[in-house]
Structure formats: structure tokens, C-alpha cells
Amino acid sequence: MRKKELISIHALLLEVAQYLIENENMPARRMSTYHALGVTPLGIHKSKQDHYEAITVLIKTIEEEFEQTPMPPISP
């Protein structure tokens, strides 16, 4: 995958995480591992590996939030 594509995915996942914090009551402290990386989508000078690691952390953080949030019943 190209670096530009990784940065786009990174930005999208960060938007999802921010939405969960602002609208779905995800604790902001869940993002501590991500913030410790020091990599943001604006860090275009960072390596592909850095963005890949940030994406991995964001996916894990979002996944953990979904696992801990009960899903409402689906009406037929």
C-alpha cells in the first residue's frame, strides 16, 4: 500500500475514534497508546511503518470500544 493511502486510512480511523469520544462516550484515555506514538495523519514526513503502527493501534482501540458497547436490538 502506498504511503498516501496509509495516511488517508489513518485520517479516517482517527475521525471515527474522535466521533466515538465526542458522541458515543468512549473514554478519551483509550487513545493514550495512540497519542504516545506521536504520529498523526498530518505527519507526512513520518515513515509508512509509523503510519501503519498508528492505524493498527486505532483499529485495536475502536475494536475494543465496540466489544465493550452493548448493541441495541435490531428490529425486523
PDB file of N, CA and C in Angstrom:
ATOM      1  N   MET A   1       0.848  -1.168   0.000  1.00  0.00           N
ATOM      2  CA  MET A   1       0.000   0.000   0.000  1.00  0.00           C
ATOM      3  C   MET A   1       0.897   1.235   0.000  1.00  0.00           C
ATOM      4  N   ARG A   2       0.474   2.235  -0.707  1.00  0.00           N
ATOM      5  CA  ARG A   2       1.247   3.468  -0.788  1.00  0.00           C
ATOM      6  C   ARG A   2       1.103   4.294   0.486  1.00  0.00           C
ATOM      7  N   LYS A   3       2.105   5.111   0.729  1.00  0.00           N
ATOM      8  CA  LYS A   3       2.106   5.947   1.928  1.00  0.00           C
ATOM      9  C   LYS A   3       0.896   6.881   1.950  1.00  0.00           C
ATOM     10  N   LYS A   4       0.557   7.437   0.805  1.00  0.00           N
ATOM     11  CA  LYS A   4      -0.591   8.346   0.723  1.00  0.00           C
ATOM     12  C   LYS A   4      -1.879   7.627   1.129  1.00  0.00           C
ATOM     13  N   GLU A   5      -2.028   6.372   0.726  1.00  0.00           N
ATOM     14  CA  GLU A   5      -3.209   5.591   1.093  1.00  0.00           C
ATOM     15  C   GLU A   5      -3.228   5.298   2.592  1.00  0.00           C
ATOM     16  N   LEU A   6      -2.067   4.992   3.154  1.00  0.00           N
ATOM     17  CA  LEU A   6      -1.988   4.750   4.601  1.00  0.00           C
ATOM     18  C   LEU A   6      -2.373   6.001   5.379  1.00  0.00           C
ATOM     19  N   ILE A   7      -1.920   7.156   4.927  1.00  0.00           N
ATOM     20  CA  ILE A   7      -2.253   8.410   5.600  1.00  0.00           C
ATOM     21  C   ILE A   7      -3.751   8.676   5.517  1.00  0.00           C
ATOM     22  N   SER A   8      -4.366   8.367   4.385  1.00  0.00           N
ATOM     23  CA  SER A   8      -5.819   8.547   4.245  1.00  0.00           C
ATOM     24  C   SER A   8      -6.587   7.635   5.196  1.00  0.00           C
ATOM     25  N   ILE A   9      -6.168   6.400   5.304  1.00  0.00           N
ATOM     26  CA  ILE A   9      -6.807   5.453   6.222  1.00  0.00           C
ATOM     27  C   ILE A   9      -6.589   5.906   7.666  1.00  0.00           C
ATOM     28  N   HIS A  10      -5.392   6.357   7.954  1.00  0.00           N
ATOM     29  CA  HIS A  10      -5.061   6.869   9.285  1.00  0.00           C
ATOM     30  C   HIS A  10      -6.012   8.019   9.649  1.00  0.00           C
ATOM     31  N   ALA A  11      -6.192   8.953   8.732  1.00  0.00           N
ATOM     32  CA  ALA A  11      -7.079  10.100   8.983  1.00  0.00           C
ATOM     33  C   ALA A  11      -8.519   9.648   9.203  1.00  0.00           C
ATOM     34  N   LEU A  12      -8.988   8.712   8.410  1.00  0.00           N
ATOM     35  CA  LEU A  12     -10.358   8.214   8.541  1.00  0.00           C
ATOM     36  C   LEU A  12     -10.574   7.530   9.892  1.00  0.00           C
ATOM     37  N   LEU A  13      -9.647   6.676  10.284  1.00  0.00           N
ATOM     38  CA  LEU A  13      -9.777   5.985  11.564  1.00  0.00           C
ATOM     39  C   LEU A  13      -9.699   6.953  12.742  1.00  0.00           C
ATOM     40  N   LEU A  14      -8.888   7.983  12.616  1.00  0.00           N
ATOM     41  CA  LEU A  14      -8.823   8.987  13.673  1.00  0.00           C
ATOM     42  C   LEU A  14     -10.151   9.725  13.791  1.00  0.00           C
ATOM     43  N   GLU A  15     -10.784  10.014  12.666  1.00  0.00           N
ATOM     44  CA  GLU A  15     -12.116  10.639  12.682  1.00  0.00           C
ATOM     45  C   GLU A  15     -13.134   9.743  13.386  1.00  0.00           C
ATOM     46  N   VAL A  16     -13.087   8.452  13.116  1.00  0.00           N
ATOM     47  CA  VAL A  16     -14.001   7.508  13.770  1.00  0.00           C
ATOM     48  C   VAL A  16     -13.764   7.516  15.272  1.00  0.00           C
ATOM     49  N   ALA A  17     -12.510   7.464  15.692  1.00  0.00           N
ATOM     50  CA  ALA A  17     -12.191   7.464  17.120  1.00  0.00           C
ATOM     51  C   ALA A  17     -12.654   8.765  17.780  1.00  0.00           C
ATOM     52  N   GLN A  18     -12.447   9.893  17.115  1.00  0.00           N
ATOM     53  CA  GLN A  18     -12.886  11.170  17.670  1.00  0.00           C
ATOM     54  C   GLN A  18     -14.407  11.226  17.762  1.00  0.00           C
ATOM     55  N   TYR A  19     -15.089  10.665  16.781  1.00  0.00           N
ATOM     56  CA  TYR A  19     -16.552  10.601  16.833  1.00  0.00           C
ATOM     57  C   TYR A  19     -17.004   9.786  18.047  1.00  0.00           C
ATOM     58  N   LEU A  20     -16.357   8.648  18.265  1.00  0.00           N
ATOM     59  CA  LEU A  20     -16.722   7.803  19.405  1.00  0.00           C
ATOM     60  C   LEU A  20     -16.508   8.524  20.731  1.00  0.00           C
ATOM     61  N   ILE A  21     -15.442   9.308  20.825  1.00  0.00           N
ATOM     62  CA  ILE A  21     -15.185  10.069  22.045  1.00  0.00           C
ATOM     63  C   ILE A  21     -16.238  11.153  22.238  1.00  0.00           C
ATOM     64  N   GLU A  22     -16.540  11.882  21.182  1.00  0.00           N
ATOM     65  CA  GLU A  22     -17.447  13.023  21.279  1.00  0.00           C
ATOM     66  C   GLU A  22     -18.922  12.637  21.345  1.00  0.00           C
ATOM     67  N   ASN A  23     -19.318  11.566  20.683  1.00  0.00           N
ATOM     68  CA  ASN A  23     -20.737  11.242  20.555  1.00  0.00           C
ATOM     69  C   ASN A  23     -21.179   9.922  21.175  1.00  0.00           C
ATOM     70  N   GLU A  24     -20.251   9.048  21.456  1.00  0.00           N
ATOM     71  CA  GLU A  24     -20.625   7.722  21.956  1.00  0.00           C
ATOM     72  C   GLU A  24     -20.017   7.408  23.316  1.00  0.00           C
ATOM     73  N   ASN A  25     -19.489   8.411  23.963  1.00  0.00           N
ATOM     74  CA  ASN A  25     -18.956   8.283  25.326  1.00  0.00           C
ATOM     75  C   ASN A  25     -17.767   7.340  25.465  1.00  0.00           C
ATOM     76  N   MET A  26     -16.958   7.215  24.422  1.00  0.00           N
ATOM     77  CA  MET A  26     -15.726   6.451  24.571  1.00  0.00           C
ATOM     78  C   MET A  26     -14.760   7.294  25.412  1.00  0.00           C
ATOM     79  N   PRO A  27     -14.165   6.718  26.450  1.00  0.00           N
ATOM     80  CA  PRO A  27     -13.231   7.492  27.270  1.00  0.00           C
ATOM     81  C   PRO A  27     -12.011   7.938  26.449  1.00  0.00           C
ATOM     82  N   ALA A  28     -11.664   9.197  26.552  1.00  0.00           N
ATOM     83  CA  ALA A  28     -10.524   9.738  25.808  1.00  0.00           C
ATOM     84  C   ALA A  28      -9.215   9.052  26.206  1.00  0.00           C
ATOM     85  N   ARG A  29      -9.169   8.513  27.416  1.00  0.00           N
ATOM     86  CA  ARG A  29      -7.941   7.841  27.869  1.00  0.00           C
ATOM     87  C   ARG A  29      -7.628   6.599  27.035  1.00  0.00           C
ATOM     88  N   ARG A  30      -8.617   6.079  26.342  1.00  0.00           N
ATOM     89  CA  ARG A  30      -8.375   4.921  25.461  1.00  0.00           C
ATOM     90  C   ARG A  30      -7.411   5.260  24.331  1.00  0.00           C
ATOM     91  N   MET A  31      -7.268   6.531  24.052  1.00  0.00           N
ATOM     92  CA  MET A  31      -6.400   6.969  22.959  1.00  0.00           C
ATOM     93  C   MET A  31      -4.960   7.200  23.421  1.00  0.00           C
ATOM     94  N   SER A  32      -4.653   6.899  24.667  1.00  0.00           N
ATOM     95  CA  SER A  32      -3.317   7.187  25.209  1.00  0.00           C
ATOM     96  C   SER A  32      -2.213   6.446  24.446  1.00  0.00           C
ATOM     97  N   THR A  33      -2.445   5.201  24.085  1.00  0.00           N
ATOM     98  CA  THR A  33      -1.443   4.442  23.333  1.00  0.00           C
ATOM     99  C   THR A  33      -1.202   5.085  21.973  1.00  0.00           C
ATOM    100  N   TYR A  34      -2.283   5.508  21.323  1.00  0.00           N
ATOM    101  CA  TYR A  34      -2.160   6.178  20.028  1.00  0.00           C
ATOM    102  C   TYR A  34      -1.364   7.475  20.176  1.00  0.00           C
ATOM    103  N   HIS A  35      -1.717   8.298  21.146  1.00  0.00           N
ATOM    104  CA  HIS A  35      -1.039   9.580  21.330  1.00  0.00           C
ATOM    105  C   HIS A  35       0.439   9.386  21.685  1.00  0.00           C
ATOM    106  N   ALA A  36       0.752   8.310  22.389  1.00  0.00           N
ATOM    107  CA  ALA A  36       2.139   8.032  22.765  1.00  0.00           C
ATOM    108  C   ALA A  36       3.023   7.765  21.544  1.00  0.00           C
ATOM    109  N   LEU A  37       2.406   7.338  20.442  1.00  0.00           N
ATOM    110  CA  LEU A  37       3.175   7.092  19.219  1.00  0.00           C
ATOM    111  C   LEU A  37       3.736   8.375  18.631  1.00  0.00           C
ATOM    112  N   GLY A  38       3.025   9.477  18.832  1.00  0.00           N
ATOM    113  CA  GLY A  38       3.482  10.754  18.277  1.00  0.00           C
ATOM    114  C   GLY A  38       3.329  10.865  16.776  1.00  0.00           C
ATOM    115  N   VAL A  39       2.403  10.116  16.215  1.00  0.00           N
ATOM    116  CA  VAL A  39       2.172  10.124  14.764  1.00  0.00           C
ATOM    117  C   VAL A  39       0.730  10.544  14.511  1.00  0.00           C
ATOM    118  N   THR A  40       0.545  11.528  13.650  1.00  0.00           N
ATOM    119  CA  THR A  40      -0.796  11.944  13.249  1.00  0.00           C
ATOM    120  C   THR A  40      -0.877  11.898  11.728  1.00  0.00           C
ATOM    121  N   PRO A  41      -2.079  11.960  11.175  1.00  0.00           N
ATOM    122  CA  PRO A  41      -2.192  11.976   9.719  1.00  0.00           C
ATOM    123  C   PRO A  41      -1.485  13.179   9.088  1.00  0.00           C
ATOM    124  N   LEU A  42      -1.294  14.229   9.856  1.00  0.00           N
ATOM    125  CA  LEU A  42      -0.592  15.401   9.335  1.00  0.00           C
ATOM    126  C   LEU A  42       0.913  15.188   9.273  1.00  0.00           C
ATOM    127  N   GLY A  43       1.399  14.153   9.903  1.00  0.00           N
ATOM    128  CA  GLY A  43       2.828  13.866   9.912  1.00  0.00           C
ATOM    129  C   GLY A  43       3.272  13.156   8.651  1.00  0.00           C
ATOM    130  N   ILE A  44       3.212  13.861   7.536  1.00  0.00           N
ATOM    131  CA  ILE A  44       3.536  13.239   6.250  1.00  0.00           C
ATOM    132  C   ILE A  44       5.016  12.882   6.136  1.00  0.00           C
ATOM    133  N   HIS A  45       5.843  13.471   6.998  1.00  0.00           N
ATOM    134  CA  HIS A  45       7.268  13.152   6.996  1.00  0.00           C
ATOM    135  C   HIS A  45       7.570  11.849   7.734  1.00  0.00           C
ATOM    136  N   LYS A  46       6.577  11.330   8.468  1.00  0.00           N
ATOM    137  CA  LYS A  46       6.767  10.067   9.188  1.00  0.00           C
ATOM    138  C   LYS A  46       6.794   8.915   8.178  1.00  0.00           C
ATOM    139  N   SER A  47       7.368   7.813   8.581  1.00  0.00           N
ATOM    140  CA  SER A  47       7.509   6.672   7.668  1.00  0.00           C
ATOM    141  C   SER A  47       6.183   5.922   7.482  1.00  0.00           C
ATOM    142  N   LYS A  48       6.159   5.109   6.443  1.00  0.00           N
ATOM    143  CA  LYS A  48       4.991   4.247   6.215  1.00  0.00           C
ATOM    144  C   LYS A  48       4.768   3.352   7.420  1.00  0.00           C
ATOM    145  N   GLN A  49       5.844   2.842   7.985  1.00  0.00           N
ATOM    146  CA  GLN A  49       5.743   1.958   9.151  1.00  0.00           C
ATOM    147  C   GLN A  49       5.113   2.687  10.331  1.00  0.00           C
ATOM    148  N   ASP A  50       5.476   3.946  10.537  1.00  0.00           N
ATOM    149  CA  ASP A  50       4.889   4.730  11.630  1.00  0.00           C
ATOM    150  C   ASP A  50       3.378   4.865  11.451  1.00  0.00           C
ATOM    151  N   HIS A  51       2.942   5.162  10.231  1.00  0.00           N
ATOM    152  CA  HIS A  51       1.510   5.301   9.970  1.00  0.00           C
ATOM    153  C   HIS A  51       0.810   3.949  10.091  1.00  0.00           C
ATOM    154  N   TYR A  52       1.466   2.895   9.659  1.00  0.00           N
ATOM    155  CA  TYR A  52       0.897   1.559   9.782  1.00  0.00           C
ATOM    156  C   TYR A  52       0.682   1.207  11.255  1.00  0.00           C
ATOM    157  N   GLU A  53       1.661   1.508  12.102  1.00  0.00           N
ATOM    158  CA  GLU A  53       1.531   1.243  13.530  1.00  0.00           C
ATOM    159  C   GLU A  53       0.397   2.064  14.140  1.00  0.00           C
ATOM    160  N   ALA A  54       0.274   3.323  13.731  1.00  0.00           N
ATOM    161  CA  ALA A  54      -0.814   4.170  14.238  1.00  0.00           C
ATOM    162  C   ALA A  54      -2.168   3.605  13.815  1.00  0.00           C
ATOM    163  N   ILE A  55      -2.265   3.135  12.588  1.00  0.00           N
ATOM    164  CA  ILE A  55      -3.503   2.528  12.097  1.00  0.00           C
ATOM    165  C   ILE A  55      -3.842   1.291  12.923  1.00  0.00           C
ATOM    166  N   THR A  56      -2.855   0.467  13.180  1.00  0.00           N
ATOM    167  CA  THR A  56      -3.061  -0.748  13.965  1.00  0.00           C
ATOM    168  C   THR A  56      -3.581  -0.420  15.365  1.00  0.00           C
ATOM    169  N   VAL A  57      -2.992   0.590  16.001  1.00  0.00           N
ATOM    170  CA  VAL A  57      -3.427   0.992  17.344  1.00  0.00           C
ATOM    171  C   VAL A  57      -4.850   1.545  17.294  1.00  0.00           C
ATOM    172  N   LEU A  58      -5.158   2.356  16.292  1.00  0.00           N
ATOM    173  CA  LEU A  58      -6.508   2.909  16.169  1.00  0.00           C
ATOM    174  C   LEU A  58      -7.542   1.803  15.958  1.00  0.00           C
ATOM    175  N   ILE A  59      -7.233   0.849  15.114  1.00  0.00           N
ATOM    176  CA  ILE A  59      -8.156  -0.263  14.868  1.00  0.00           C
ATOM    177  C   ILE A  59      -8.400  -1.035  16.162  1.00  0.00           C
ATOM    178  N   LYS A  60      -7.334  -1.317  16.901  1.00  0.00           N
ATOM    179  CA  LYS A  60      -7.474  -2.052  18.151  1.00  0.00           C
ATOM    180  C   LYS A  60      -8.312  -1.256  19.152  1.00  0.00           C
ATOM    181  N   THR A  61      -8.090   0.044  19.241  1.00  0.00           N
ATOM    182  CA  THR A  61      -8.840   0.898  20.159  1.00  0.00           C
ATOM    183  C   THR A  61     -10.323   0.921  19.802  1.00  0.00           C
ATOM    184  N   ILE A  62     -10.632   1.083  18.532  1.00  0.00           N
ATOM    185  CA  ILE A  62     -12.026   1.111  18.071  1.00  0.00           C
ATOM    186  C   ILE A  62     -12.680  -0.251  18.298  1.00  0.00           C
ATOM    187  N   GLU A  63     -11.953  -1.302  17.997  1.00  0.00           N
ATOM    188  CA  GLU A  63     -12.483  -2.653  18.191  1.00  0.00           C
ATOM    189  C   GLU A  63     -12.810  -2.914  19.661  1.00  0.00           C
ATOM    190  N   GLU A  64     -11.915  -2.519  20.556  1.00  0.00           N
ATOM    191  CA  GLU A  64     -12.162  -2.704  21.989  1.00  0.00           C
ATOM    192  C   GLU A  64     -13.403  -1.938  22.436  1.00  0.00           C
ATOM    193  N   GLU A  65     -13.602  -0.745  21.902  1.00  0.00           N
ATOM    194  CA  GLU A  65     -14.789   0.036  22.249  1.00  0.00           C
ATOM    195  C   GLU A  65     -16.049  -0.675  21.778  1.00  0.00           C
ATOM    196  N   PHE A  66     -16.033  -1.195  20.568  1.00  0.00           N
ATOM    197  CA  PHE A  66     -17.204  -1.913  20.047  1.00  0.00           C
ATOM    198  C   PHE A  66     -17.486  -3.170  20.859  1.00  0.00           C
ATOM    199  N   GLU A  67     -16.445  -3.869  21.288  1.00  0.00           N
ATOM    200  CA  GLU A  67     -16.632  -5.087  22.072  1.00  0.00           C
ATOM    201  C   GLU A  67     -17.259  -4.791  23.430  1.00  0.00           C
ATOM    202  N   GLN A  68     -16.986  -3.624  23.995  1.00  0.00           N
ATOM    203  CA  GLN A  68     -17.483  -3.278  25.323  1.00  0.00           C
ATOM    204  C   GLN A  68     -18.811  -2.533  25.290  1.00  0.00           C
ATOM    205  N   THR A  69     -19.270  -2.165  24.113  1.00  0.00           N
ATOM    206  CA  THR A  69     -20.527  -1.428  23.986  1.00  0.00           C
ATOM    207  C   THR A  69     -21.628  -2.397  23.577  1.00  0.00           C
ATOM    208  N   PRO A  70     -22.685  -2.499  24.393  1.00  0.00           N
ATOM    209  CA  PRO A  70     -23.771  -3.397  24.011  1.00  0.00           C
ATOM    210  C   PRO A  70     -24.499  -2.872  22.772  1.00  0.00           C
ATOM    211  N   MET A  71     -24.807  -3.773  21.892  1.00  0.00           N
ATOM    212  CA  MET A  71     -25.507  -3.407  20.660  1.00  0.00           C
ATOM    213  C   MET A  71     -27.018  -3.393  20.919  1.00  0.00           C
ATOM    214  N   PRO A  72     -27.707  -2.367  20.417  1.00  0.00           N
ATOM    215  CA  PRO A  72     -29.165  -2.359  20.574  1.00  0.00           C
ATOM    216  C   PRO A  72     -29.792  -3.456  19.711  1.00  0.00           C
ATOM    217  N   PRO A  73     -30.936  -3.959  20.129  1.00  0.00           N
ATOM    218  CA  PRO A  73     -31.584  -4.996  19.310  1.00  0.00           C
ATOM    219  C   PRO A  73     -31.982  -4.454  17.946  1.00  0.00           C
ATOM    220  N   ILE A  74     -31.919  -5.294  16.966  1.00  0.00           N
ATOM    221  CA  ILE A  74     -32.289  -4.929  15.592  1.00  0.00           C
ATOM    222  C   ILE A  74     -33.741  -5.328  15.365  1.00  0.00           C
ATOM    223  N   SER A  75     -34.536  -4.373  14.943  1.00  0.00           N
ATOM    224  CA  SER A  75     -35.948  -4.664  14.668  1.00  0.00           C
ATOM    225  C   SER A  75     -36.098  -5.223  13.265  1.00  0.00           C
ATOM    226  N   PRO A  76     -36.961  -6.222  13.090  1.00  0.00           N
ATOM    227  CA  PRO A  76     -37.155  -6.793  11.749  1.00  0.00           C
ATOM    228  C   PRO A  76     -37.915  -5.860  10.843  1.00  0.00           C
TER     229      PRO A  76
END
